[in-house]
Amino acid sequence: MLQSIAPKLPMRNKSITRDYFVNQLGFQDIGSADFDGYLILAKDNIELHFFEFKDLNPKENYGQVYIRTEEIKSVYEAFKAAGVAIHPNGPLEAKPWGQMEFSLLDPDHNLLTFGQSI
């Protein structure tokens, strides 16, 4: 039986990625060892992994993750209050496919979409 998923996303700089996710989005660094070029972060019941890709061109990065939540408005407001930039094309809104969603771009342009069924 499948239990969880931990997407792996590219990052150019481990300290910049860690800083964004920990200090702006409230994740924790849960890596049991500090491996060069790899980062494991968690928040609530989700886990994200990052691998180093120094030559990544953020404008050509198509890394994407869809994160489900049961409190979309609270998550959105908390990020806004923390000064997190919301994607210009991704404000909180109801979508025709029955989801309330908003999106962010991390420092490497990985698209993080947060959604809740409506």
PDB file of N, CA and C in Angstrom:
ATOM      1  N   MET A   1       0.834  -1.178   0.000  1.00  0.00           N
ATOM      2  CA  MET A   1       0.000   0.000   0.000  1.00  0.00           C
ATOM      3  C   MET A   1       0.882   1.246   0.000  1.00  0.00           C
ATOM      4  N   LEU A   2       0.556   2.212  -0.844  1.00  0.00           N
ATOM      5  CA  LEU A   2       1.298   3.470  -0.891  1.00  0.00           C
ATOM      6  C   LEU A   2       0.940   4.322   0.321  1.00  0.00           C
ATOM      7  N   GLN A   3       1.937   4.992   0.889  1.00  0.00           N
ATOM      8  CA  GLN A   3       1.695   5.777   2.095  1.00  0.00           C
ATOM      9  C   GLN A   3       1.977   7.256   1.949  1.00  0.00           C
ATOM     10  N   SER A   4       2.965   7.634   1.167  1.00  0.00           N
ATOM     11  CA  SER A   4       3.299   9.054   1.032  1.00  0.00           C
ATOM     12  C   SER A   4       4.161   9.249  -0.202  1.00  0.00           C
ATOM     13  N   ILE A   5       4.407  10.498  -0.503  1.00  0.00           N
ATOM     14  CA  ILE A   5       5.264  10.846  -1.625  1.00  0.00           C
ATOM     15  C   ILE A   5       6.172  11.994  -1.196  1.00  0.00           C
ATOM     16  N   ALA A   6       7.395  11.974  -1.682  1.00  0.00           N
ATOM     17  CA  ALA A   6       8.358  13.037  -1.386  1.00  0.00           C
ATOM     18  C   ALA A   6       8.973  13.482  -2.705  1.00  0.00           C
ATOM     19  N   PRO A   7       8.390  14.494  -3.333  1.00  0.00           N
ATOM     20  CA  PRO A   7       8.924  14.958  -4.615  1.00  0.00           C
ATOM     21  C   PRO A   7      10.363  15.453  -4.483  1.00  0.00           C
ATOM     22  N   LYS A   8      11.129  15.257  -5.536  1.00  0.00           N
ATOM     23  CA  LYS A   8      12.506  15.740  -5.606  1.00  0.00           C
ATOM     24  C   LYS A   8      12.542  16.887  -6.609  1.00  0.00           C
ATOM     25  N   LEU A   9      12.994  18.046  -6.158  1.00  0.00           N
ATOM     26  CA  LEU A   9      13.037  19.250  -6.990  1.00  0.00           C
ATOM     27  C   LEU A   9      14.473  19.747  -7.113  1.00  0.00           C
ATOM     28  N   PRO A  10      14.801  20.404  -8.218  1.00  0.00           N
ATOM     29  CA  PRO A  10      16.159  20.925  -8.381  1.00  0.00           C
ATOM     30  C   PRO A  10      16.371  22.216  -7.591  1.00  0.00           C
ATOM     31  N   MET A  11      17.598  22.412  -7.168  1.00  0.00           N
ATOM     32  CA  MET A  11      18.003  23.661  -6.503  1.00  0.00           C
ATOM     33  C   MET A  11      19.407  24.008  -6.963  1.00  0.00           C
ATOM     34  N   ARG A  12      19.679  25.287  -7.051  1.00  0.00           N
ATOM     35  CA  ARG A  12      21.025  25.722  -7.414  1.00  0.00           C
ATOM     36  C   ARG A  12      21.916  25.905  -6.201  1.00  0.00           C
ATOM     37  N   ASN A  13      21.338  26.369  -5.090  1.00  0.00           N
ATOM     38  CA  ASN A  13      22.118  26.705  -3.911  1.00  0.00           C
ATOM     39  C   ASN A  13      21.378  26.228  -2.669  1.00  0.00           C
ATOM     40  N   LYS A  14      21.967  25.313  -1.966  1.00  0.00           N
ATOM     41  CA  LYS A  14      21.320  24.681  -0.812  1.00  0.00           C
ATOM     42  C   LYS A  14      20.955  25.694   0.278  1.00  0.00           C
ATOM     43  N   SER A  15      21.846  26.624   0.578  1.00  0.00           N
ATOM     44  CA  SER A  15      21.563  27.564   1.666  1.00  0.00           C
ATOM     45  C   SER A  15      20.430  28.526   1.302  1.00  0.00           C
ATOM     46  N   ILE A  16      20.342  28.934   0.043  1.00  0.00           N
ATOM     47  CA  ILE A  16      19.247  29.814  -0.390  1.00  0.00           C
ATOM     48  C   ILE A  16      17.921  29.067  -0.341  1.00  0.00           C
ATOM     49  N   THR A  17      17.918  27.817  -0.816  1.00  0.00           N
ATOM     50  CA  THR A  17      16.693  27.018  -0.781  1.00  0.00           C
ATOM     51  C   THR A  17      16.266  26.765   0.646  1.00  0.00           C
ATOM     52  N   ARG A  18      17.195  26.373   1.506  1.00  0.00           N
ATOM     53  CA  ARG A  18      16.878  26.135   2.916  1.00  0.00           C
ATOM     54  C   ARG A  18      16.308  27.397   3.555  1.00  0.00           C
ATOM     55  N   ASP A  19      16.946  28.521   3.329  1.00  0.00           N
ATOM     56  CA  ASP A  19      16.493  29.781   3.917  1.00  0.00           C
ATOM     57  C   ASP A  19      15.061  30.112   3.492  1.00  0.00           C
ATOM     58  N   TYR A  20      14.757  29.979   2.214  1.00  0.00           N
ATOM     59  CA  TYR A  20      13.412  30.289   1.718  1.00  0.00           C
ATOM     60  C   TYR A  20      12.356  29.386   2.368  1.00  0.00           C
ATOM     61  N   PHE A  21      12.590  28.103   2.335  1.00  0.00           N
ATOM     62  CA  PHE A  21      11.587  27.173   2.852  1.00  0.00           C
ATOM     63  C   PHE A  21      11.477  27.196   4.374  1.00  0.00           C
ATOM     64  N   VAL A  22      12.584  27.352   5.071  1.00  0.00           N
ATOM     65  CA  VAL A  22      12.553  27.364   6.539  1.00  0.00           C
ATOM     66  C   VAL A  22      12.088  28.721   7.062  1.00  0.00           C
ATOM     67  N   ASN A  23      12.717  29.782   6.617  1.00  0.00           N
ATOM     68  CA  ASN A  23      12.438  31.098   7.200  1.00  0.00           C
ATOM     69  C   ASN A  23      11.228  31.809   6.610  1.00  0.00           C
ATOM     70  N   GLN A  24      10.818  31.466   5.401  1.00  0.00           N
ATOM     71  CA  GLN A  24       9.649  32.123   4.826  1.00  0.00           C
ATOM     72  C   GLN A  24       8.409  31.235   4.840  1.00  0.00           C
ATOM     73  N   LEU A  25       8.579  29.937   4.555  1.00  0.00           N
ATOM     74  CA  LEU A  25       7.417  29.057   4.452  1.00  0.00           C
ATOM     75  C   LEU A  25       7.193  28.196   5.697  1.00  0.00           C
ATOM     76  N   GLY A  26       8.134  28.216   6.640  1.00  0.00           N
ATOM     77  CA  GLY A  26       7.938  27.498   7.894  1.00  0.00           C
ATOM     78  C   GLY A  26       8.237  26.015   7.871  1.00  0.00           C
ATOM     79  N   PHE A  27       9.027  25.560   6.908  1.00  0.00           N
ATOM     80  CA  PHE A  27       9.438  24.152   6.865  1.00  0.00           C
ATOM     81  C   PHE A  27      10.575  23.925   7.865  1.00  0.00           C
ATOM     82  N   GLN A  28      10.863  22.655   8.134  1.00  0.00           N
ATOM     83  CA  GLN A  28      11.992  22.272   8.969  1.00  0.00           C
ATOM     84  C   GLN A  28      12.957  21.432   8.144  1.00  0.00           C
ATOM     85  N   ASP A  29      14.232  21.641   8.383  1.00  0.00           N
ATOM     86  CA  ASP A  29      15.262  20.807   7.761  1.00  0.00           C
ATOM     87  C   ASP A  29      15.329  19.526   8.576  1.00  0.00           C
ATOM     88  N   ILE A  30      14.925  18.404   7.970  1.00  0.00           N
ATOM     89  CA  ILE A  30      14.877  17.135   8.714  1.00  0.00           C
ATOM     90  C   ILE A  30      15.929  16.135   8.240  1.00  0.00           C
ATOM     91  N   GLY A  31      16.855  16.580   7.417  1.00  0.00           N
ATOM     92  CA  GLY A  31      17.905  15.666   6.970  1.00  0.00           C
ATOM     93  C   GLY A  31      18.694  15.162   8.166  1.00  0.00           C
ATOM     94  N   SER A  32      18.837  13.848   8.278  1.00  0.00           N
ATOM     95  CA  SER A  32      19.550  13.280   9.417  1.00  0.00           C
ATOM     96  C   SER A  32      21.058  13.437   9.278  1.00  0.00           C
ATOM     97  N   ALA A  33      21.511  13.774   8.070  1.00  0.00           N
ATOM     98  CA  ALA A  33      22.925  14.048   7.814  1.00  0.00           C
ATOM     99  C   ALA A  33      22.992  15.171   6.789  1.00  0.00           C
ATOM    100  N   ASP A  34      24.002  15.999   6.897  1.00  0.00           N
ATOM    101  CA  ASP A  34      24.128  17.132   5.981  1.00  0.00           C
ATOM    102  C   ASP A  34      24.930  16.717   4.752  1.00  0.00           C
ATOM    103  N   PHE A  35      24.240  16.113   3.792  1.00  0.00           N
ATOM    104  CA  PHE A  35      24.893  15.695   2.561  1.00  0.00           C
ATOM    105  C   PHE A  35      25.050  16.879   1.623  1.00  0.00           C
ATOM    106  N   ASP A  36      26.222  16.999   1.029  1.00  0.00           N
ATOM    107  CA  ASP A  36      26.407  18.035   0.025  1.00  0.00           C
ATOM    108  C   ASP A  36      25.428  17.805  -1.104  1.00  0.00           C
ATOM    109  N   GLY A  37      24.783  18.862  -1.538  1.00  0.00           N
ATOM    110  CA  GLY A  37      23.935  18.776  -2.714  1.00  0.00           C
ATOM    111  C   GLY A  37      22.594  18.125  -2.508  1.00  0.00           C
ATOM    112  N   TYR A  38      22.169  17.909  -1.264  1.00  0.00           N
ATOM    113  CA  TYR A  38      20.857  17.306  -1.041  1.00  0.00           C
ATOM    114  C   TYR A  38      20.239  17.923   0.205  1.00  0.00           C
ATOM    115  N   LEU A  39      18.922  18.123   0.150  1.00  0.00           N
ATOM    116  CA  LEU A  39      18.210  18.787   1.235  1.00  0.00           C
ATOM    117  C   LEU A  39      16.856  18.111   1.422  1.00  0.00           C
ATOM    118  N   ILE A  40      16.490  17.835   2.675  1.00  0.00           N
ATOM    119  CA  ILE A  40      15.192  17.238   2.989  1.00  0.00           C
ATOM    120  C   ILE A  40      14.468  18.169   3.955  1.00  0.00           C
ATOM    121  N   LEU A  41      13.287  18.612   3.536  1.00  0.00           N
ATOM    122  CA  LEU A  41      12.497  19.550   4.326  1.00  0.00           C
ATOM    123  C   LEU A  41      11.104  18.992   4.566  1.00  0.00           C
ATOM    124  N   ALA A  42      10.499  19.384   5.702  1.00  0.00           N
ATOM    125  CA  ALA A  42       9.155  18.902   6.019  1.00  0.00           C
ATOM    126  C   ALA A  42       8.346  20.002   6.691  1.00  0.00           C
ATOM    127  N   LYS A  43       7.042  19.905   6.491  1.00  0.00           N
ATOM    128  CA  LYS A  43       6.087  20.778   7.184  1.00  0.00           C
ATOM    129  C   LYS A  43       4.792  19.994   7.313  1.00  0.00           C
ATOM    130  N   ASP A  44       4.276  19.945   8.529  1.00  0.00           N
ATOM    131  CA  ASP A  44       3.067  19.177   8.810  1.00  0.00           C
ATOM    132  C   ASP A  44       3.257  17.748   8.291  1.00  0.00           C
ATOM    133  N   ASN A  45       2.444  17.305   7.340  1.00  0.00           N
ATOM    134  CA  ASN A  45       2.524  15.927   6.857  1.00  0.00           C
ATOM    135  C   ASN A  45       3.175  15.781   5.488  1.00  0.00           C
ATOM    136  N   ILE A  46       3.881  16.815   5.033  1.00  0.00           N
ATOM    137  CA  ILE A  46       4.524  16.689   3.724  1.00  0.00           C
ATOM    138  C   ILE A  46       6.040  16.800   3.846  1.00  0.00           C
ATOM    139  N   GLU A  47       6.694  16.245   2.864  1.00  0.00           N
ATOM    140  CA  GLU A  47       8.151  16.255   2.795  1.00  0.00           C
ATOM    141  C   GLU A  47       8.556  16.605   1.374  1.00  0.00           C
ATOM    142  N   LEU A  48       9.526  17.503   1.242  1.00  0.00           N
ATOM    143  CA  LEU A  48      10.097  17.859  -0.059  1.00  0.00           C
ATOM    144  C   LEU A  48      11.589  17.574  -0.017  1.00  0.00           C
ATOM    145  N   HIS A  49      12.104  16.999  -1.101  1.00  0.00           N
ATOM    146  CA  HIS A  49      13.537  16.751  -1.242  1.00  0.00           C
ATOM    147  C   HIS A  49      14.054  17.635  -2.368  1.00  0.00           C
ATOM    148  N   PHE A  50      15.288  18.080  -2.218  1.00  0.00           N
ATOM    149  CA  PHE A  50      15.921  18.922  -3.237  1.00  0.00           C
ATOM    150  C   PHE A  50      17.290  18.352  -3.565  1.00  0.00           C
ATOM    151  N   PHE A  51      17.606  18.353  -4.841  1.00  0.00           N
ATOM    152  CA  PHE A  51      18.920  17.904  -5.286  1.00  0.00           C
ATOM    153  C   PHE A  51      19.624  19.071  -5.965  1.00  0.00           C
ATOM    154  N   GLU A  52      20.936  19.122  -5.795  1.00  0.00           N
ATOM    155  CA  GLU A  52      21.713  20.223  -6.366  1.00  0.00           C
ATOM    156  C   GLU A  52      21.824  20.102  -7.879  1.00  0.00           C
ATOM    157  N   PHE A  53      21.547  21.203  -8.543  1.00  0.00           N
ATOM    158  CA  PHE A  53      21.666  21.319  -9.990  1.00  0.00           C
ATOM    159  C   PHE A  53      22.197  22.731 -10.258  1.00  0.00           C
ATOM    160  N   LYS A  54      23.512  22.887 -10.086  1.00  0.00           N
ATOM    161  CA  LYS A  54      24.142  24.207 -10.146  1.00  0.00           C
ATOM    162  C   LYS A  54      23.936  24.930 -11.469  1.00  0.00           C
ATOM    163  N   ASP A  55      23.815  24.177 -12.564  1.00  0.00           N
ATOM    164  CA  ASP A  55      23.658  24.803 -13.876  1.00  0.00           C
ATOM    165  C   ASP A  55      22.202  25.025 -14.267  1.00  0.00           C
ATOM    166  N   LEU A  56      21.293  24.841 -13.340  1.00  0.00           N
ATOM    167  CA  LEU A  56      19.876  25.036 -13.621  1.00  0.00           C
ATOM    168  C   LEU A  56      19.599  26.470 -14.064  1.00  0.00           C
ATOM    169  N   ASN A  57      18.889  26.610 -15.150  1.00  0.00           N
ATOM    170  CA  ASN A  57      18.398  27.923 -15.578  1.00  0.00           C
ATOM    171  C   ASN A  57      16.973  28.038 -15.050  1.00  0.00           C
ATOM    172  N   PRO A  58      16.742  28.890 -14.034  1.00  0.00           N
ATOM    173  CA  PRO A  58      15.406  28.966 -13.434  1.00  0.00           C
ATOM    174  C   PRO A  58      14.297  29.256 -14.444  1.00  0.00           C
ATOM    175  N   LYS A  59      14.607  29.989 -15.490  1.00  0.00           N
ATOM    176  CA  LYS A  59      13.593  30.317 -16.497  1.00  0.00           C
ATOM    177  C   LYS A  59      13.216  29.094 -17.337  1.00  0.00           C
ATOM    178  N   GLU A  60      14.015  28.028 -17.249  1.00  0.00           N
ATOM    179  CA  GLU A  60      13.718  26.800 -17.987  1.00  0.00           C
ATOM    180  C   GLU A  60      13.363  25.642 -17.054  1.00  0.00           C
ATOM    181  N   ASN A  61      13.127  25.951 -15.800  1.00  0.00           N
ATOM    182  CA  ASN A  61      12.794  24.916 -14.815  1.00  0.00           C
ATOM    183  C   ASN A  61      11.290  24.671 -14.816  1.00  0.00           C
ATOM    184  N   TYR A  62      10.913  23.412 -14.973  1.00  0.00           N
ATOM    185  CA  TYR A  62       9.504  23.047 -14.965  1.00  0.00           C
ATOM    186  C   TYR A  62       9.131  22.205 -13.751  1.00  0.00           C
ATOM    187  N   GLY A  63       9.951  22.278 -12.675  1.00  0.00           N
ATOM    188  CA  GLY A  63       9.641  21.561 -11.448  1.00  0.00           C
ATOM    189  C   GLY A  63       8.342  22.093 -10.848  1.00  0.00           C
ATOM    190  N   GLN A  64       7.449  21.183 -10.484  1.00  0.00           N
ATOM    191  CA  GLN A  64       6.153  21.576  -9.946  1.00  0.00           C
ATOM    192  C   GLN A  64       5.704  20.591  -8.883  1.00  0.00           C
ATOM    193  N   VAL A  65       5.006  21.109  -7.870  1.00  0.00           N
ATOM    194  CA  VAL A  65       4.439  20.282  -6.818  1.00  0.00           C
ATOM    195  C   VAL A  65       3.055  20.836  -6.499  1.00  0.00           C
ATOM    196  N   TYR A  66       2.090  19.930  -6.312  1.00  0.00           N
ATOM    197  CA  TYR A  66       0.748  20.312  -5.888  1.00  0.00           C
ATOM    198  C   TYR A  66       0.596  19.847  -4.447  1.00  0.00           C
ATOM    199  N   ILE A  67       0.343  20.792  -3.539  1.00  0.00           N
ATOM    200  CA  ILE A  67       0.264  20.503  -2.111  1.00  0.00           C
ATOM    201  C   ILE A  67      -1.176  20.724  -1.651  1.00  0.00           C
ATOM    202  N   ARG A  68      -1.789  19.657  -1.180  1.00  0.00           N
ATOM    203  CA  ARG A  68      -3.178  19.766  -0.698  1.00  0.00           C
ATOM    204  C   ARG A  68      -3.194  20.211   0.763  1.00  0.00           C
ATOM    205  N   THR A  69      -4.194  21.004   1.088  1.00  0.00           N
ATOM    206  CA  THR A  69      -4.380  21.489   2.445  1.00  0.00           C
ATOM    207  C   THR A  69      -5.863  21.501   2.781  1.00  0.00           C
ATOM    208  N   GLU A  70      -6.166  21.537   4.055  1.00  0.00           N
ATOM    209  CA  GLU A  70      -7.554  21.655   4.497  1.00  0.00           C
ATOM    210  C   GLU A  70      -7.853  23.060   4.993  1.00  0.00           C
ATOM    211  N   GLU A  71      -6.839  23.930   4.975  1.00  0.00           N
ATOM    212  CA  GLU A  71      -6.995  25.299   5.482  1.00  0.00           C
ATOM    213  C   GLU A  71      -6.348  26.289   4.523  1.00  0.00           C
ATOM    214  N   ILE A  72      -6.789  26.299   3.280  1.00  0.00           N
ATOM    215  CA  ILE A  72      -6.147  27.092   2.232  1.00  0.00           C
ATOM    216  C   ILE A  72      -6.086  28.582   2.568  1.00  0.00           C
ATOM    217  N   LYS A  73      -7.156  29.126   3.100  1.00  0.00           N
ATOM    218  CA  LYS A  73      -7.176  30.567   3.399  1.00  0.00           C
ATOM    219  C   LYS A  73      -6.184  30.915   4.504  1.00  0.00           C
ATOM    220  N   SER A  74      -6.079  30.071   5.510  1.00  0.00           N
ATOM    221  CA  SER A  74      -5.121  30.310   6.599  1.00  0.00           C
ATOM    222  C   SER A  74      -3.682  30.229   6.097  1.00  0.00           C
ATOM    223  N   VAL A  75      -3.400  29.230   5.271  1.00  0.00           N
ATOM    224  CA  VAL A  75      -2.054  29.077   4.708  1.00  0.00           C
ATOM    225  C   VAL A  75      -1.706  30.292   3.852  1.00  0.00           C
ATOM    226  N   TYR A  76      -2.627  30.686   2.997  1.00  0.00           N
ATOM    227  CA  TYR A  76      -2.432  31.845   2.118  1.00  0.00           C
ATOM    228  C   TYR A  76      -2.159  33.112   2.939  1.00  0.00           C
ATOM    229  N   GLU A  77      -2.998  33.365   3.932  1.00  0.00           N
ATOM    230  CA  GLU A  77      -2.842  34.573   4.753  1.00  0.00           C
ATOM    231  C   GLU A  77      -1.544  34.550   5.555  1.00  0.00           C
ATOM    232  N   ALA A  78      -1.156  33.388   6.056  1.00  0.00           N
ATOM    233  CA  ALA A  78       0.099  33.276   6.806  1.00  0.00           C
ATOM    234  C   ALA A  78       1.292  33.582   5.911  1.00  0.00           C
ATOM    235  N   PHE A  79       1.280  33.060   4.685  1.00  0.00           N
ATOM    236  CA  PHE A  79       2.379  33.346   3.757  1.00  0.00           C
ATOM    237  C   PHE A  79       2.423  34.821   3.403  1.00  0.00           C
ATOM    238  N   LYS A  80       1.267  35.412   3.132  1.00  0.00           N
ATOM    239  CA  LYS A  80       1.227  36.848   2.813  1.00  0.00           C
ATOM    240  C   LYS A  80       1.734  37.682   3.981  1.00  0.00           C
ATOM    241  N   ALA A  81       1.321  37.333   5.196  1.00  0.00           N
ATOM    242  CA  ALA A  81       1.758  38.066   6.380  1.00  0.00           C
ATOM    243  C   ALA A  81       3.270  37.956   6.583  1.00  0.00           C
ATOM    244  N   ALA A  82       3.850  36.838   6.146  1.00  0.00           N
ATOM    245  CA  ALA A  82       5.299  36.633   6.260  1.00  0.00           C
ATOM    246  C   ALA A  82       6.066  37.282   5.110  1.00  0.00           C
ATOM    247  N   GLY A  83       5.346  37.928   4.192  1.00  0.00           N
ATOM    248  CA  GLY A  83       6.002  38.598   3.071  1.00  0.00           C
ATOM    249  C   GLY A  83       6.363  37.691   1.924  1.00  0.00           C
ATOM    250  N   VAL A  84       5.791  36.498   1.872  1.00  0.00           N
ATOM    251  CA  VAL A  84       6.069  35.558   0.785  1.00  0.00           C
ATOM    252  C   VAL A  84       5.402  36.076  -0.492  1.00  0.00           C
ATOM    253  N   ALA A  85       6.158  36.112  -1.567  1.00  0.00           N
ATOM    254  CA  ALA A  85       5.620  36.568  -2.856  1.00  0.00           C
ATOM    255  C   ALA A  85       4.716  35.495  -3.448  1.00  0.00           C
ATOM    256  N   ILE A  86       3.489  35.888  -3.746  1.00  0.00           N
ATOM    257  CA  ILE A  86       2.549  35.007  -4.422  1.00  0.00           C
ATOM    258  C   ILE A  86       2.804  35.127  -5.924  1.00  0.00           C
ATOM    259  N   HIS A  87       2.724  34.020  -6.644  1.00  0.00           N
ATOM    260  CA  HIS A  87       2.938  34.044  -8.095  1.00  0.00           C
ATOM    261  C   HIS A  87       1.972  35.054  -8.715  1.00  0.00           C
ATOM    262  N   PRO A  88       2.450  35.912  -9.630  1.00  0.00           N
ATOM    263  CA  PRO A  88       1.567  36.924 -10.230  1.00  0.00           C
ATOM    264  C   PRO A  88       0.342  36.338 -10.925  1.00  0.00           C
ATOM    265  N   ASN A  89       0.458  35.130 -11.438  1.00  0.00           N
ATOM    266  CA  ASN A  89      -0.683  34.471 -12.078  1.00  0.00           C
ATOM    267  C   ASN A  89      -1.333  33.443 -11.162  1.00  0.00           C
ATOM    268  N   GLY A  90      -1.011  33.468  -9.872  1.00  0.00           N
ATOM    269  CA  GLY A  90      -1.503  32.431  -8.976  1.00  0.00           C
ATOM    270  C   GLY A  90      -2.102  32.920  -7.681  1.00  0.00           C
ATOM    271  N   PRO A  91      -2.922  33.996  -7.685  1.00  0.00           N
ATOM    272  CA  PRO A  91      -3.541  34.408  -6.422  1.00  0.00           C
ATOM    273  C   PRO A  91      -4.585  33.389  -5.968  1.00  0.00           C
ATOM    274  N   LEU A  92      -4.977  33.486  -4.735  1.00  0.00           N
ATOM    275  CA  LEU A  92      -5.987  32.579  -4.196  1.00  0.00           C
ATOM    276  C   LEU A  92      -7.297  32.796  -4.932  1.00  0.00           C
ATOM    277  N   GLU A  93      -7.777  31.702  -5.553  1.00  0.00           N
ATOM    278  CA  GLU A  93      -9.056  31.792  -6.255  1.00  0.00           C
ATOM    279  C   GLU A  93      -9.642  30.400  -6.476  1.00  0.00           C
ATOM    280  N   ALA A  94     -10.960  30.387  -6.657  1.00  0.00           N
ATOM    281  CA  ALA A  94     -11.663  29.144  -6.972  1.00  0.00           C
ATOM    282  C   ALA A  94     -11.425  28.806  -8.438  1.00  0.00           C
ATOM    283  N   LYS A  95     -11.097  27.569  -8.690  1.00  0.00           N
ATOM    284  CA  LYS A  95     -10.839  27.102 -10.054  1.00  0.00           C
ATOM    285  C   LYS A  95     -12.041  26.305 -10.558  1.00  0.00           C
ATOM    286  N   PRO A  96     -12.241  26.257 -11.881  1.00  0.00           N
ATOM    287  CA  PRO A  96     -13.383  25.534 -12.420  1.00  0.00           C
ATOM    288  C   PRO A  96     -13.337  24.027 -12.166  1.00  0.00           C
ATOM    289  N   TRP A  97     -12.184  23.490 -11.781  1.00  0.00           N
ATOM    290  CA  TRP A  97     -12.072  22.051 -11.518  1.00  0.00           C
ATOM    291  C   TRP A  97     -12.346  21.720 -10.054  1.00  0.00           C
ATOM    292  N   GLY A  98     -12.951  22.666  -9.316  1.00  0.00           N
ATOM    293  CA  GLY A  98     -13.405  22.385  -7.962  1.00  0.00           C
ATOM    294  C   GLY A  98     -12.364  22.530  -6.875  1.00  0.00           C
ATOM    295  N   GLN A  99     -11.326  23.304  -7.140  1.00  0.00           N
ATOM    296  CA  GLN A  99     -10.276  23.536  -6.152  1.00  0.00           C
ATOM    297  C   GLN A  99     -10.151  25.036  -5.887  1.00  0.00           C
ATOM    298  N   MET A 100      -9.831  25.385  -4.655  1.00  0.00           N
ATOM    299  CA  MET A 100      -9.385  26.731  -4.296  1.00  0.00           C
ATOM    300  C   MET A 100      -7.875  26.633  -4.268  1.00  0.00           C
ATOM    301  N   GLU A 101      -7.180  27.503  -5.011  1.00  0.00           N
ATOM    302  CA  GLU A 101      -5.728  27.366  -5.178  1.00  0.00           C
ATOM    303  C   GLU A 101      -5.013  28.710  -5.147  1.00  0.00           C
ATOM    304  N   PHE A 102      -3.704  28.625  -4.828  1.00  0.00           N
ATOM    305  CA  PHE A 102      -2.763  29.722  -5.054  1.00  0.00           C
ATOM    306  C   PHE A 102      -1.400  29.113  -5.313  1.00  0.00           C
ATOM    307  N   SER A 103      -0.492  29.905  -5.884  1.00  0.00           N
ATOM    308  CA  SER A 103       0.820  29.372  -6.275  1.00  0.00           C
ATOM    309  C   SER A 103       1.955  30.308  -5.868  1.00  0.00           C
ATOM    310  N   LEU A 104       3.125  29.701  -5.672  1.00  0.00           N
ATOM    311  CA  LEU A 104       4.374  30.404  -5.374  1.00  0.00           C
ATOM    312  C   LEU A 104       5.463  29.879  -6.294  1.00  0.00           C
ATOM    313  N   LEU A 105       6.483  30.681  -6.498  1.00  0.00           N
ATOM    314  CA  LEU A 105       7.708  30.219  -7.160  1.00  0.00           C
ATOM    315  C   LEU A 105       8.826  30.287  -6.136  1.00  0.00           C
ATOM    316  N   ASP A 106       9.552  29.190  -5.952  1.00  0.00           N
ATOM    317  CA  ASP A 106      10.688  29.229  -5.035  1.00  0.00           C
ATOM    318  C   ASP A 106      11.867  29.905  -5.745  1.00  0.00           C
ATOM    319  N   PRO A 107      13.010  30.075  -5.080  1.00  0.00           N
ATOM    320  CA  PRO A 107      14.137  30.785  -5.699  1.00  0.00           C
ATOM    321  C   PRO A 107      14.642  30.171  -7.011  1.00  0.00           C
ATOM    322  N   ASP A 108      14.327  28.892  -7.262  1.00  0.00           N
ATOM    323  CA  ASP A 108      14.762  28.241  -8.497  1.00  0.00           C
ATOM    324  C   ASP A 108      13.624  28.062  -9.488  1.00  0.00           C
ATOM    325  N   HIS A 109      12.512  28.733  -9.223  1.00  0.00           N
ATOM    326  CA  HIS A 109      11.310  28.703 -10.065  1.00  0.00           C
ATOM    327  C   HIS A 109      10.604  27.354 -10.084  1.00  0.00           C
ATOM    328  N   ASN A 110      10.764  26.576  -9.015  1.00  0.00           N
ATOM    329  CA  ASN A 110       9.890  25.423  -8.834  1.00  0.00           C
ATOM    330  C   ASN A 110       8.521  25.985  -8.467  1.00  0.00           C
ATOM    331  N   LEU A 111       7.484  25.537  -9.153  1.00  0.00           N
ATOM    332  CA  LEU A 111       6.129  26.025  -8.910  1.00  0.00           C
ATOM    333  C   LEU A 111       5.498  25.210  -7.790  1.00  0.00           C
ATOM    334  N   LEU A 112       5.078  25.891  -6.723  1.00  0.00           N
ATOM    335  CA  LEU A 112       4.397  25.259  -5.610  1.00  0.00           C
ATOM    336  C   LEU A 112       2.953  25.716  -5.650  1.00  0.00           C
ATOM    337  N   THR A 113       2.038  24.810  -5.931  1.00  0.00           N
ATOM    338  CA  THR A 113       0.618  25.146  -5.955  1.00  0.00           C
ATOM    339  C   THR A 113      -0.035  24.504  -4.742  1.00  0.00           C
ATOM    340  N   PHE A 114      -0.762  25.312  -3.985  1.00  0.00           N
ATOM    341  CA  PHE A 114      -1.479  24.850  -2.806  1.00  0.00           C
ATOM    342  C   PHE A 114      -2.946  24.808  -3.147  1.00  0.00           C
ATOM    343  N   GLY A 115      -3.630  23.706  -2.788  1.00  0.00           N
ATOM    344  CA  GLY A 115      -5.027  23.569  -3.166  1.00  0.00           C
ATOM    345  C   GLY A 115      -5.872  22.880  -2.123  1.00  0.00           C
ATOM    346  N   GLN A 116      -7.160  23.227  -2.157  1.00  0.00           N
ATOM    347  CA  GLN A 116      -8.146  22.619  -1.278  1.00  0.00           C
ATOM    348  C   GLN A 116      -9.418  22.403  -2.076  1.00  0.00           C
ATOM    349  N   SER A 117     -10.032  21.248  -1.905  1.00  0.00           N
ATOM    350  CA  SER A 117     -11.305  20.978  -2.566  1.00  0.00           C
ATOM    351  C   SER A 117     -12.377  21.925  -2.042  1.00  0.00           C
ATOM    352  N   ILE A 118     -13.247  22.363  -2.959  1.00  0.00           N
ATOM    353  CA  ILE A 118     -14.360  23.239  -2.541  1.00  0.00           C
ATOM    354  C   ILE A 118     -15.685  22.589  -2.861  1.00  0.00           C
TER     355      ILE A 118
END
